[in-house]
Amino acid sequence: VAAVNVTGGLTRAILVNVDPEALRARNLSLQNVSDAIARENLNVPAGIAKTGDTELTIRSLGLFTEPLEVGGVVVGNDRGRFVQVRDIATVVDGAPD
């Protein structure tokens, strides 16, 4: 076999299914959840390292790869306690609609 090409199948997505009652109980909104996840799910430049004549670009890879990572994102504060995504939602592997 000279080459193998895989086609078809589902595109992977991490799905966050928010419980509206849990949000209300903690005085949070869907916007709070969306903003917190967007803030943590970043792939950004982190600088340049130089050694002699060599220059390396450094990137901070913060993209989520597992549902467990998303579940640990802090969404807000409820009476002095941090509220994480896992406290107000179920986070699962799935496929986009």
N, C-alpha and C. Protein backbone atom coordinates (compact mmCIF):
# COMPACT_ATOMS: atom_id res chain seq x y z
N VAL A 1 0.85 -1.17 0.00
CA VAL A 1 0.00 0.00 0.00
C VAL A 1 0.89 1.23 0.00
N ALA A 2 0.73 2.06 -0.98
CA ALA A 2 1.56 3.26 -1.10
C ALA A 2 1.02 4.41 -0.27
N ALA A 3 -0.30 4.51 -0.10
CA ALA A 3 -0.88 5.61 0.66
C ALA A 3 -2.28 5.22 1.12
N VAL A 4 -2.66 5.79 2.23
CA VAL A 4 -4.01 5.57 2.76
C VAL A 4 -4.64 6.93 3.00
N ASN A 5 -5.83 7.14 2.50
CA ASN A 5 -6.58 8.37 2.74
C ASN A 5 -7.86 8.03 3.48
N VAL A 6 -8.06 8.68 4.61
CA VAL A 6 -9.29 8.47 5.38
C VAL A 6 -10.22 9.62 5.06
N THR A 7 -11.45 9.31 4.68
CA THR A 7 -12.43 10.35 4.38
C THR A 7 -13.73 10.02 5.10
N GLY A 8 -14.54 11.04 5.24
CA GLY A 8 -15.84 10.84 5.89
C GLY A 8 -15.71 10.87 7.40
N GLY A 9 -16.72 10.39 8.07
CA GLY A 9 -16.71 10.40 9.53
C GLY A 9 -17.17 11.73 10.08
N LEU A 10 -17.28 11.80 11.38
CA LEU A 10 -17.75 13.00 12.05
C LEU A 10 -16.58 13.87 12.49
N THR A 11 -16.79 15.17 12.46
CA THR A 11 -15.84 16.12 13.02
C THR A 11 -16.03 16.14 14.52
N ARG A 12 -14.96 16.13 15.27
CA ARG A 12 -15.04 16.11 16.73
C ARG A 12 -15.37 17.49 17.27
N ALA A 13 -16.18 17.53 18.31
CA ALA A 13 -16.49 18.77 19.01
C ALA A 13 -16.66 18.45 20.48
N ILE A 14 -16.25 19.38 21.33
CA ILE A 14 -16.50 19.24 22.76
C ILE A 14 -17.77 20.04 23.04
N LEU A 15 -18.79 19.35 23.53
CA LEU A 15 -20.11 19.97 23.74
C LEU A 15 -20.30 20.31 25.22
N VAL A 16 -20.78 21.52 25.47
CA VAL A 16 -21.07 21.98 26.83
C VAL A 16 -22.58 22.14 26.94
N ASN A 17 -23.22 21.25 27.70
CA ASN A 17 -24.67 21.29 27.89
C ASN A 17 -24.98 21.92 29.24
N VAL A 18 -25.37 23.19 29.20
CA VAL A 18 -25.56 23.97 30.42
C VAL A 18 -26.94 23.70 31.03
N ASP A 19 -26.96 23.57 32.35
CA ASP A 19 -28.21 23.38 33.11
C ASP A 19 -28.71 24.77 33.53
N PRO A 20 -29.83 25.24 32.95
CA PRO A 20 -30.34 26.58 33.25
C PRO A 20 -30.63 26.80 34.75
N GLU A 21 -31.11 25.76 35.42
CA GLU A 21 -31.40 25.89 36.86
C GLU A 21 -30.11 26.10 37.65
N ALA A 22 -29.06 25.38 37.30
CA ALA A 22 -27.78 25.53 37.99
C ALA A 22 -27.21 26.93 37.76
N LEU A 23 -27.41 27.48 36.57
CA LEU A 23 -26.98 28.86 36.29
C LEU A 23 -27.70 29.85 37.18
N ARG A 24 -29.03 29.74 37.20
CA ARG A 24 -29.85 30.66 38.00
C ARG A 24 -29.49 30.57 39.48
N ALA A 25 -29.28 29.35 39.97
CA ALA A 25 -28.97 29.16 41.38
C ALA A 25 -27.66 29.84 41.78
N ARG A 26 -26.78 30.01 40.82
CA ARG A 26 -25.47 30.62 41.10
C ARG A 26 -25.37 32.04 40.55
N ASN A 27 -26.49 32.59 40.12
CA ASN A 27 -26.53 33.97 39.61
C ASN A 27 -25.59 34.18 38.42
N LEU A 28 -25.55 33.23 37.51
CA LEU A 28 -24.69 33.31 36.33
C LEU A 28 -25.54 33.29 35.06
N SER A 29 -24.92 33.67 33.95
CA SER A 29 -25.62 33.67 32.66
C SER A 29 -24.86 32.81 31.66
N LEU A 30 -25.51 32.51 30.54
CA LEU A 30 -24.84 31.80 29.46
C LEU A 30 -23.66 32.62 28.93
N GLN A 31 -23.79 33.93 28.95
CA GLN A 31 -22.70 34.80 28.51
C GLN A 31 -21.48 34.62 29.39
N ASN A 32 -21.69 34.47 30.73
CA ASN A 32 -20.57 34.21 31.63
C ASN A 32 -19.83 32.94 31.24
N VAL A 33 -20.58 31.90 30.91
CA VAL A 33 -20.00 30.61 30.52
C VAL A 33 -19.24 30.76 29.20
N SER A 34 -19.86 31.37 28.23
CA SER A 34 -19.25 31.57 26.91
C SER A 34 -17.97 32.39 27.02
N ASP A 35 -18.00 33.47 27.77
CA ASP A 35 -16.83 34.34 27.92
C ASP A 35 -15.68 33.60 28.61
N ALA A 36 -15.99 32.84 29.66
CA ALA A 36 -14.95 32.12 30.40
C ALA A 36 -14.26 31.08 29.52
N ILE A 37 -15.05 30.34 28.74
CA ILE A 37 -14.48 29.32 27.86
C ILE A 37 -13.63 29.98 26.78
N ALA A 38 -14.12 31.05 26.19
CA ALA A 38 -13.37 31.75 25.14
C ALA A 38 -12.06 32.31 25.68
N ARG A 39 -12.08 32.80 26.91
CA ARG A 39 -10.89 33.38 27.54
C ARG A 39 -9.80 32.33 27.75
N GLU A 40 -10.20 31.09 28.03
CA GLU A 40 -9.25 30.02 28.34
C GLU A 40 -8.82 29.21 27.12
N ASN A 41 -9.58 29.25 26.05
CA ASN A 41 -9.32 28.42 24.87
C ASN A 41 -8.56 29.24 23.82
N LEU A 42 -7.27 29.50 24.09
CA LEU A 42 -6.50 30.38 23.23
C LEU A 42 -5.21 29.73 22.75
N ASN A 43 -4.80 30.12 21.58
CA ASN A 43 -3.51 29.74 21.01
C ASN A 43 -2.86 31.05 20.61
N VAL A 44 -1.97 31.58 21.45
CA VAL A 44 -1.46 32.92 21.24
C VAL A 44 0.07 32.96 21.22
N PRO A 45 0.64 33.98 20.55
CA PRO A 45 2.09 34.13 20.59
C PRO A 45 2.53 34.49 22.01
N ALA A 46 3.65 33.92 22.46
CA ALA A 46 4.13 34.19 23.82
C ALA A 46 5.48 34.89 23.82
N GLY A 47 6.05 35.16 22.64
CA GLY A 47 7.30 35.90 22.60
C GLY A 47 8.32 35.29 21.67
N ILE A 48 9.53 35.80 21.79
CA ILE A 48 10.64 35.33 20.95
C ILE A 48 11.83 35.04 21.86
N ALA A 49 12.47 33.90 21.62
CA ALA A 49 13.69 33.54 22.35
C ALA A 49 14.87 33.65 21.40
N LYS A 50 15.93 34.33 21.84
CA LYS A 50 17.11 34.50 21.00
C LYS A 50 18.30 33.87 21.70
N THR A 51 19.08 33.13 20.93
CA THR A 51 20.34 32.59 21.41
C THR A 51 21.34 32.68 20.27
N GLY A 52 22.30 33.54 20.43
CA GLY A 52 23.26 33.78 19.34
C GLY A 52 22.56 34.36 18.13
N ASP A 53 22.75 33.71 16.97
CA ASP A 53 22.11 34.15 15.73
C ASP A 53 20.76 33.47 15.50
N THR A 54 20.35 32.62 16.44
CA THR A 54 19.10 31.87 16.28
C THR A 54 17.97 32.58 17.03
N GLU A 55 16.83 32.68 16.36
CA GLU A 55 15.64 33.30 16.94
C GLU A 55 14.48 32.33 16.83
N LEU A 56 13.83 32.03 17.96
CA LEU A 56 12.71 31.09 17.98
C LEU A 56 11.44 31.80 18.42
N THR A 57 10.35 31.56 17.72
CA THR A 57 9.05 32.09 18.11
C THR A 57 8.42 31.13 19.11
N ILE A 58 7.90 31.67 20.19
CA ILE A 58 7.26 30.86 21.23
C ILE A 58 5.76 31.10 21.18
N ARG A 59 4.99 30.01 21.23
CA ARG A 59 3.53 30.12 21.25
C ARG A 59 3.00 29.45 22.50
N SER A 60 1.93 29.99 23.04
CA SER A 60 1.25 29.39 24.18
C SER A 60 0.05 28.62 23.64
N LEU A 61 0.12 27.29 23.71
CA LEU A 61 -0.97 26.46 23.19
C LEU A 61 -1.95 26.17 24.31
N GLY A 62 -3.08 26.83 24.27
CA GLY A 62 -4.07 26.65 25.32
C GLY A 62 -5.38 26.12 24.80
N LEU A 63 -5.38 25.50 23.63
CA LEU A 63 -6.62 24.98 23.06
C LEU A 63 -7.05 23.72 23.79
N PHE A 64 -8.33 23.60 24.07
CA PHE A 64 -8.86 22.43 24.76
C PHE A 64 -8.78 21.20 23.87
N THR A 65 -8.40 20.08 24.46
CA THR A 65 -8.36 18.82 23.72
C THR A 65 -9.25 17.76 24.35
N GLU A 66 -9.67 17.97 25.60
CA GLU A 66 -10.49 16.99 26.32
C GLU A 66 -11.61 17.68 27.07
N PRO A 67 -12.77 17.03 27.20
CA PRO A 67 -13.88 17.60 27.96
C PRO A 67 -13.51 17.96 29.40
N LEU A 68 -12.64 17.16 30.02
CA LEU A 68 -12.23 17.41 31.40
C LEU A 68 -11.57 18.78 31.55
N GLU A 69 -10.83 19.21 30.55
CA GLU A 69 -10.18 20.53 30.59
C GLU A 69 -11.22 21.64 30.60
N VAL A 70 -12.26 21.51 29.79
CA VAL A 70 -13.31 22.52 29.72
C VAL A 70 -14.07 22.56 31.05
N GLY A 71 -14.32 21.40 31.63
CA GLY A 71 -15.04 21.33 32.90
C GLY A 71 -14.36 22.07 34.02
N GLY A 72 -13.04 22.21 33.96
CA GLY A 72 -12.30 22.88 35.02
C GLY A 72 -12.22 24.39 34.89
N VAL A 73 -12.77 24.95 33.84
CA VAL A 73 -12.72 26.40 33.64
C VAL A 73 -13.61 27.10 34.68
N VAL A 74 -13.05 28.12 35.32
CA VAL A 74 -13.81 28.89 36.31
C VAL A 74 -14.70 29.89 35.57
N VAL A 75 -16.00 29.82 35.88
CA VAL A 75 -17.00 30.66 35.23
C VAL A 75 -17.31 31.90 36.04
N GLY A 76 -17.29 31.77 37.36
CA GLY A 76 -17.63 32.89 38.22
C GLY A 76 -17.44 32.54 39.67
N ASN A 77 -18.10 33.34 40.51
CA ASN A 77 -17.98 33.21 41.95
C ASN A 77 -19.37 33.19 42.55
N ASP A 78 -19.63 32.25 43.43
CA ASP A 78 -20.93 32.15 44.09
C ASP A 78 -20.70 32.12 45.59
N ARG A 79 -20.98 33.23 46.24
CA ARG A 79 -20.83 33.35 47.70
C ARG A 79 -19.43 32.94 48.16
N GLY A 80 -18.42 33.44 47.44
CA GLY A 80 -17.04 33.20 47.82
C GLY A 80 -16.44 31.90 47.32
N ARG A 81 -17.19 31.11 46.57
CA ARG A 81 -16.67 29.84 46.03
C ARG A 81 -16.62 29.92 44.51
N PHE A 82 -15.50 29.44 43.95
CA PHE A 82 -15.38 29.42 42.50
C PHE A 82 -16.38 28.44 41.90
N VAL A 83 -17.01 28.84 40.81
CA VAL A 83 -17.93 27.98 40.08
C VAL A 83 -17.24 27.58 38.78
N GLN A 84 -17.10 26.26 38.57
CA GLN A 84 -16.48 25.76 37.36
C GLN A 84 -17.57 25.31 36.39
N VAL A 85 -17.18 25.16 35.13
CA VAL A 85 -18.13 24.72 34.11
C VAL A 85 -18.79 23.41 34.54
N ARG A 86 -18.01 22.48 35.10
CA ARG A 86 -18.57 21.18 35.52
C ARG A 86 -19.66 21.31 36.60
N ASP A 87 -19.69 22.44 37.30
CA ASP A 87 -20.70 22.65 38.34
C ASP A 87 -22.06 23.04 37.75
N ILE A 88 -22.06 23.54 36.51
CA ILE A 88 -23.31 24.05 35.93
C ILE A 88 -23.62 23.42 34.58
N ALA A 89 -22.79 22.44 34.17
CA ALA A 89 -22.99 21.86 32.83
C ALA A 89 -22.37 20.46 32.77
N THR A 90 -22.81 19.70 31.77
CA THR A 90 -22.11 18.45 31.45
C THR A 90 -21.30 18.74 30.19
N VAL A 91 -20.08 18.24 30.18
CA VAL A 91 -19.18 18.47 29.06
C VAL A 91 -18.83 17.12 28.48
N VAL A 92 -19.12 16.93 27.18
CA VAL A 92 -18.92 15.62 26.54
C VAL A 92 -18.28 15.76 25.17
N ASP A 93 -17.66 14.67 24.72
CA ASP A 93 -17.19 14.59 23.35
C ASP A 93 -18.39 14.36 22.45
N GLY A 94 -18.41 14.99 21.32
CA GLY A 94 -19.52 14.78 20.40
C GLY A 94 -19.15 15.26 19.01
N ALA A 95 -20.17 15.62 18.26
CA ALA A 95 -20.00 16.13 16.91
C ALA A 95 -20.87 17.38 16.76
N PRO A 96 -20.41 18.35 15.98
CA PRO A 96 -21.23 19.56 15.81
C PRO A 96 -22.54 19.22 15.08
N ASP A 97 -23.55 20.05 15.30
CA ASP A 97 -24.85 19.85 14.64
C ASP A 97 -24.70 20.01 13.15
